[in-house]
């Protein structure tokens, strides 16, 4: 288990409990069950207390936790007959964006997601989930295909933001993001987005301009990272805690503002402590949102989506 900065007191207690159990395994005559159970109870209560009062910056840390399930995990667990589709038909394949045809509860769908990778090698291959222009152009191609064949689109968002490198800018990063966002507004099929970790900047909006937007309880969604915001406003990236407060990037704040439609509960301690339960909860939320949109005509879906974003921000401004 990788512990976050604010979880250090918890790591000490859980570490002591594991040390006792290791000693007992080495010496079967030792009776340490009561002591270990007492430490377990103390750790559980501390975990509840920590996660009941998470600050926006702490939620950012949880959203970035390396052990959280990523798009690939959700696709493998929730979808069957997944067939990966690659390339933007213009430049290259972008490993930061995975997508393809699949079945969800035996329904044919198109699934698209940011993939960060889960070890050093795969994170480098996936560019830490930061898509280049070809990733967004691939997404446009897949959304076009879904529209042509009347397939619902399910997007799994988890990115620090679009890749800001020189090559990406030379190949039209902002134009590619804009086209992906515009395509989200144009397709006449249900479009559902779930923010499963970080929803960073336009790189997230390009997949999340949807009929229904859900966020995992401890995920974040913002126009810029707290560090980037602090660097611009205060010329000091160390003021990221203040920036996180000001950005109102938590699922709870965004639901009040009408930016998202639902919050998906996470297990105690975050999705990283209960991957299977988190994946199951996301699956149930996707199923419910698809039911809400089933039977709607293409014109109604497009109108619903456009109206949703035109009215965004009018809800909860006084909150």
Protein backbone atom coordinates (compact mmCIF):
# COMPACT_ATOMS: atom_id res chain seq x y z
CA UNK A 1 0.00 0.00 0.00
CA UNK A 2 1.30 3.43 -1.00
CA UNK A 3 0.46 5.95 1.72
CA UNK A 4 -0.24 9.59 0.99
CA UNK A 5 1.39 12.41 2.95
CA UNK A 6 -1.60 12.96 5.22
CA UNK A 7 -1.91 9.20 5.84
CA UNK A 8 1.47 8.85 7.59
CA UNK A 9 -0.03 8.43 11.12
CA UNK A 10 -2.24 5.69 9.67
CA UNK A 11 0.73 3.96 8.06
CA UNK A 12 2.47 3.75 11.41
CA UNK A 13 -0.49 2.05 13.11
CA UNK A 14 -1.10 -0.38 10.24
CA UNK A 15 2.64 -1.05 10.10
CA UNK A 16 2.72 -1.95 13.79
CA UNK A 17 -0.25 -4.31 13.37
CA UNK A 18 1.52 -6.05 10.49
CA UNK A 19 4.75 -6.31 12.52
CA UNK A 20 2.83 -8.08 15.30
CA UNK A 21 1.32 -10.53 12.82
CA UNK A 22 4.74 -11.15 11.24
CA UNK A 23 6.15 -11.95 14.70
CA UNK A 24 3.28 -14.35 15.35
CA UNK A 25 3.87 -16.11 12.03
CA UNK A 26 7.50 -16.60 13.03
CA UNK A 27 6.58 -17.77 16.52
CA UNK A 28 3.23 -19.67 16.52
CA UNK A 29 3.20 -19.72 20.33
CA UNK A 30 2.76 -15.95 20.56
CA UNK A 31 -0.77 -14.71 21.24
CA UNK A 32 -1.01 -11.21 19.79
CA UNK A 33 -4.53 -11.40 18.33
CA UNK A 34 -6.05 -8.91 20.79
CA UNK A 35 -3.25 -6.36 20.33
CA UNK A 36 -3.44 -6.61 16.53
CA UNK A 37 -7.23 -6.29 16.54
CA UNK A 38 -7.00 -3.21 18.77
CA UNK A 39 -4.58 -1.61 16.32
CA UNK A 40 -6.89 -2.55 13.43
CA UNK A 41 -9.83 -0.83 15.14
CA UNK A 42 -7.72 2.25 15.83
CA UNK A 43 -6.57 2.34 12.17
CA UNK A 44 -10.12 1.98 10.87
CA UNK A 45 -11.35 4.84 13.05
CA UNK A 46 -8.42 7.02 11.96
CA UNK A 47 -9.19 6.21 8.32
CA UNK A 48 -12.82 7.26 8.83
CA UNK A 49 -11.77 10.49 10.51
CA UNK A 50 -9.22 11.32 7.80
CA UNK A 51 -11.57 10.72 4.88
CA UNK A 52 -14.53 12.43 6.52
CA UNK A 53 -12.69 15.76 6.55
CA UNK A 54 -10.53 15.73 3.41
CA UNK A 55 -9.48 19.16 2.18
CA UNK A 56 -9.58 19.93 -1.56
CA UNK A 57 -5.79 19.52 -1.77
CA UNK A 58 -5.98 16.15 -0.03
CA UNK A 59 -8.66 15.09 -2.50
CA UNK A 60 -6.24 16.00 -5.29
CA UNK A 61 -3.70 13.68 -3.72
CA UNK A 62 -6.25 10.87 -3.47
CA UNK A 63 -7.36 11.42 -7.09
CA UNK A 64 -3.72 11.03 -8.19
CA UNK A 65 -3.02 7.95 -6.06
CA UNK A 66 -1.04 5.45 -8.18
CA UNK A 67 -3.08 2.51 -6.86
CA UNK A 68 -6.46 3.85 -8.01
CA UNK A 69 -8.04 1.79 -10.79
CA UNK A 70 -7.43 3.31 -14.22
CA UNK A 71 -9.42 3.24 -17.46
CA UNK A 72 -7.88 -0.09 -18.51
CA UNK A 73 -9.02 -1.67 -15.23
CA UNK A 74 -12.58 -0.42 -15.70
CA UNK A 75 -12.71 -1.55 -19.32
CA UNK A 76 -11.44 -5.04 -18.49
CA UNK A 77 -13.89 -5.44 -15.59
CA UNK A 78 -17.07 -3.80 -16.92
CA UNK A 79 -16.98 -4.39 -20.67
CA UNK A 80 -16.92 -7.54 -22.75
CA UNK A 81 -15.71 -8.14 -26.30
CA UNK A 82 -13.57 -5.00 -26.15
CA UNK A 83 -11.89 -4.40 -29.51
CA UNK A 84 -9.23 -1.69 -29.36
CA UNK A 85 -9.22 0.80 -32.24
CA UNK A 86 -5.98 2.67 -32.85
CA UNK A 87 -4.67 5.73 -34.63
CA UNK A 88 -6.06 9.08 -35.76
CA UNK A 89 -5.65 8.31 -39.50
CA UNK A 90 -3.46 11.38 -39.74
CA UNK A 91 -0.29 11.10 -37.69
CA UNK A 92 0.07 8.34 -35.10
CA UNK A 93 -1.39 6.21 -32.34
CA UNK A 94 -1.56 7.93 -28.94
CA UNK A 95 -1.17 5.45 -26.10
CA UNK A 96 -2.54 7.99 -23.58
CA UNK A 97 -6.02 7.48 -25.06
CA UNK A 98 -7.50 4.00 -25.34
CA UNK A 99 -10.80 3.29 -26.99
CA UNK A 100 -12.79 0.86 -29.03
CA UNK A 101 -15.94 -1.15 -29.53
CA UNK A 102 -17.28 -3.18 -26.62
CA UNK A 103 -20.40 -4.49 -24.94
CA UNK A 104 -21.75 -3.13 -21.68
CA UNK A 105 -24.40 -5.42 -20.18
CA UNK A 106 -24.55 -6.97 -23.66
CA UNK A 107 -25.28 -3.56 -25.22
CA UNK A 108 -22.90 -2.50 -28.03
CA UNK A 109 -21.10 0.71 -27.03
CA UNK A 110 -18.04 2.79 -27.83
CA UNK A 111 -15.73 3.30 -24.84
CA UNK A 112 -12.96 5.91 -24.72
CA UNK A 113 -10.65 6.69 -21.82
CA UNK A 114 -7.43 8.30 -20.66
CA UNK A 115 -4.96 5.67 -19.47
CA UNK A 116 -2.09 6.62 -17.13
CA UNK A 117 -0.38 3.24 -16.79
CA UNK A 118 0.38 1.38 -13.57
CA UNK A 119 4.17 1.01 -13.50
CA UNK A 120 7.17 2.98 -14.71
CA UNK A 121 7.28 1.39 -18.17
CA UNK A 122 3.55 1.70 -18.89
CA UNK A 123 3.37 5.24 -17.47
CA UNK A 124 6.07 6.36 -19.88
CA UNK A 125 4.34 4.56 -22.77
CA UNK A 126 1.02 6.17 -21.82
CA UNK A 127 2.66 9.56 -21.24
CA UNK A 128 1.08 9.61 -17.75
CA UNK A 129 -2.38 9.98 -19.31
CA UNK A 130 -1.53 13.26 -21.04
CA UNK A 131 -2.88 13.02 -24.58
CA UNK A 132 -1.31 14.62 -27.64
CA UNK A 133 -3.36 15.99 -30.58
CA UNK A 134 -3.54 12.56 -32.20
CA UNK A 135 -5.24 11.19 -29.07
CA UNK A 136 -8.06 13.71 -29.34
CA UNK A 137 -8.31 13.17 -33.11
CA UNK A 138 -8.62 9.44 -32.47
CA UNK A 139 -11.43 10.19 -30.01
CA UNK A 140 -13.18 12.29 -32.68
CA UNK A 141 -12.87 9.39 -35.12
CA UNK A 142 -14.36 6.96 -32.62
CA UNK A 143 -17.22 9.30 -31.72
CA UNK A 144 -17.99 9.70 -35.43
CA UNK A 145 -18.10 5.93 -35.79
CA UNK A 146 -20.37 5.60 -32.74
CA UNK A 147 -22.73 8.22 -34.18
CA UNK A 148 -22.82 6.44 -37.55
CA UNK A 149 -23.72 3.10 -35.98
CA UNK A 150 -25.99 4.54 -33.23
CA UNK A 151 -23.78 3.37 -30.35
CA UNK A 152 -23.75 5.08 -26.94
CA UNK A 153 -20.37 6.57 -26.01
CA UNK A 154 -18.89 6.05 -22.55
CA UNK A 155 -15.85 8.17 -21.64
CA UNK A 156 -13.57 7.52 -18.66
CA UNK A 157 -11.67 10.68 -17.74
CA UNK A 158 -8.38 10.54 -15.85
CA UNK A 159 -5.75 13.02 -17.00
CA UNK A 160 -3.60 15.77 -15.46
CA UNK A 161 -4.29 17.65 -18.70
CA UNK A 162 -3.35 17.59 -22.36
CA UNK A 163 0.36 17.20 -23.06
CA UNK A 164 1.98 20.69 -23.24
CA UNK A 165 5.07 19.69 -25.24
CA UNK A 166 6.48 21.54 -28.25
CA UNK A 167 5.58 18.78 -30.72
CA UNK A 168 2.00 18.64 -29.49
CA UNK A 169 1.61 22.40 -29.89
CA UNK A 170 3.13 22.25 -33.38
CA UNK A 171 0.58 19.60 -34.38
CA UNK A 172 -2.37 21.69 -33.19
CA UNK A 173 -3.09 20.66 -29.61
CA UNK A 174 -5.68 23.36 -28.91
CA UNK A 175 -7.44 22.78 -32.24
CA UNK A 176 -7.62 19.03 -31.59
CA UNK A 177 -9.10 19.59 -28.12
CA UNK A 178 -11.63 22.07 -29.53
CA UNK A 179 -12.68 19.61 -32.25
CA UNK A 180 -13.12 16.82 -29.72
CA UNK A 181 -15.23 19.09 -27.51
CA UNK A 182 -17.32 20.17 -30.51
CA UNK A 183 -17.79 16.55 -31.57
CA UNK A 184 -19.14 15.74 -28.11
CA UNK A 185 -21.84 18.37 -28.70
CA UNK A 186 -22.69 17.13 -32.20
CA UNK A 187 -23.23 13.39 -31.91
CA UNK A 188 -26.81 12.15 -31.73
CA UNK A 189 -26.17 9.25 -29.35
CA UNK A 190 -26.04 9.11 -25.56
CA UNK A 191 -22.71 10.36 -24.24
CA UNK A 192 -21.78 9.56 -20.64
CA UNK A 193 -18.56 10.65 -18.92
CA UNK A 194 -17.18 9.43 -15.61
CA UNK A 195 -14.27 11.23 -13.97
CA UNK A 196 -12.43 8.39 -12.26
CA UNK A 197 -9.37 10.32 -11.03
CA UNK A 198 -8.10 13.63 -12.32
CA UNK A 199 -10.16 15.73 -14.69
CA UNK A 200 -7.56 18.26 -15.72
CA UNK A 201 -8.16 21.27 -17.97
CA UNK A 202 -9.35 21.12 -21.58
CA UNK A 203 -7.88 17.66 -21.87
CA UNK A 204 -10.73 16.44 -19.65
CA UNK A 205 -13.44 18.69 -21.10
CA UNK A 206 -12.72 17.19 -24.55
CA UNK A 207 -14.18 13.89 -23.26
CA UNK A 208 -16.60 15.25 -20.67
CA UNK A 209 -18.92 17.49 -22.68
CA UNK A 210 -21.58 14.86 -22.14
CA UNK A 211 -25.28 14.31 -21.51
CA UNK A 212 -24.45 12.91 -18.08
CA UNK A 213 -21.29 13.52 -16.05
CA UNK A 214 -20.46 11.54 -12.93
CA UNK A 215 -17.48 11.81 -10.60
CA UNK A 216 -16.04 9.38 -8.14
CA UNK A 217 -16.31 10.77 -4.62
CA UNK A 218 -12.64 11.66 -4.27
CA UNK A 219 -11.87 12.61 -7.87
CA UNK A 220 -11.25 16.20 -8.99
CA UNK A 221 -12.21 18.23 -12.06
CA UNK A 222 -10.82 21.69 -12.77
CA UNK A 223 -9.76 24.17 -15.43
CA UNK A 224 -6.12 23.93 -14.27
CA UNK A 225 -4.09 21.98 -11.74
CA UNK A 226 -3.68 23.58 -8.29
CA UNK A 227 0.09 23.83 -8.89
CA UNK A 228 -0.43 25.56 -12.24
CA UNK A 229 -3.00 27.93 -10.78
CA UNK A 230 -0.68 28.81 -7.88
CA UNK A 231 2.22 29.45 -10.28
CA UNK A 232 0.10 31.88 -12.29
CA UNK A 233 -1.71 33.71 -9.48
CA UNK A 234 0.96 33.79 -6.79
CA UNK A 235 4.12 32.93 -8.76
CA UNK A 236 4.57 30.18 -6.20
CA UNK A 237 3.62 26.54 -6.89
CA UNK A 238 3.83 25.84 -3.14
CA UNK A 239 0.54 27.70 -2.69
CA UNK A 240 -1.28 24.74 -4.29
CA UNK A 241 -3.37 24.21 -1.15
CA UNK A 242 -4.87 27.71 -1.41
CA UNK A 243 -5.39 27.22 -5.15
CA UNK A 244 -7.19 23.91 -4.61
CA UNK A 245 -9.59 25.64 -2.20
CA UNK A 246 -10.29 28.46 -4.65
CA UNK A 247 -10.79 26.25 -7.71
CA UNK A 248 -13.78 24.39 -6.24
CA UNK A 249 -12.62 21.24 -7.93
CA UNK A 250 -14.19 18.58 -5.69
CA UNK A 251 -17.14 16.46 -6.74
CA UNK A 252 -19.21 17.96 -3.93
CA UNK A 253 -18.59 21.55 -5.07
CA UNK A 254 -19.16 20.73 -8.73
CA UNK A 255 -22.46 19.01 -8.05
CA UNK A 256 -23.67 22.12 -6.20
CA UNK A 257 -22.67 24.25 -9.21
CA UNK A 258 -24.48 21.96 -11.63
CA UNK A 259 -21.30 20.99 -13.48
CA UNK A 260 -21.78 17.28 -12.78
CA UNK A 261 -24.90 15.16 -12.34
CA UNK A 262 -23.97 12.56 -9.77
CA UNK A 263 -21.31 11.50 -7.27
CA UNK A 264 -20.27 7.86 -7.11
CA UNK A 265 -19.38 6.75 -3.58
CA UNK A 266 -15.93 5.25 -2.99
CA UNK A 267 -14.98 2.64 -0.38
CA UNK A 268 -13.58 3.89 2.91
CA UNK A 269 -10.06 5.11 2.21
CA UNK A 270 -10.67 5.78 -1.48
CA UNK A 271 -10.85 3.68 -4.63
CA UNK A 272 -7.27 2.57 -4.10
CA UNK A 273 -8.31 0.59 -1.00
CA UNK A 274 -11.25 -1.11 -2.71
CA UNK A 275 -10.72 -1.35 -6.44
CA UNK A 276 -13.38 -4.01 -7.08
CA UNK A 277 -16.04 -2.11 -5.12
CA UNK A 278 -15.20 1.14 -6.94
CA UNK A 279 -15.37 -0.51 -10.35
CA UNK A 280 -18.71 -2.10 -9.47
CA UNK A 281 -20.10 1.26 -8.30
CA UNK A 282 -19.03 2.93 -11.54
CA UNK A 283 -20.68 0.14 -13.52
CA UNK A 284 -23.97 0.66 -11.68
CA UNK A 285 -23.80 4.42 -12.26
CA UNK A 286 -23.16 3.96 -16.00
CA UNK A 287 -26.10 1.55 -16.20
CA UNK A 288 -28.40 4.04 -14.44
CA UNK A 289 -27.32 6.95 -16.66
CA UNK A 290 -27.79 4.91 -19.84
CA UNK A 291 -31.34 4.07 -18.70
CA UNK A 292 -32.06 7.78 -18.20
CA UNK A 293 -31.09 8.47 -21.81
CA UNK A 294 -32.51 5.38 -23.48
CA UNK A 295 -35.20 5.96 -26.06
CA UNK A 296 -34.33 9.61 -26.65
CA UNK A 297 -34.11 10.71 -30.27
CA UNK A 298 -30.83 12.13 -31.63
CA UNK A 299 -32.24 15.67 -31.76
CA UNK A 300 -33.35 15.44 -28.13
CA UNK A 301 -29.95 14.16 -27.00
CA UNK A 302 -28.12 16.98 -28.79
CA UNK A 303 -30.52 19.58 -27.39
CA UNK A 304 -30.24 18.12 -23.89
CA UNK A 305 -26.43 18.27 -24.05
CA UNK A 306 -26.26 21.81 -25.39
CA UNK A 307 -28.79 23.12 -22.88
CA UNK A 308 -26.91 21.46 -20.06
CA UNK A 309 -23.77 23.43 -20.84
CA UNK A 310 -25.50 26.68 -21.67
CA UNK A 311 -27.17 26.70 -18.26
CA UNK A 312 -24.06 25.57 -16.38
CA UNK A 313 -23.03 27.82 -13.51
CA UNK A 314 -26.52 29.20 -12.86
CA UNK A 315 -27.02 26.60 -10.13
CA UNK A 316 -25.43 27.02 -6.74
CA UNK A 317 -23.66 30.34 -7.37
CA UNK A 318 -24.54 31.53 -3.89
CA UNK A 319 -23.21 28.33 -2.32
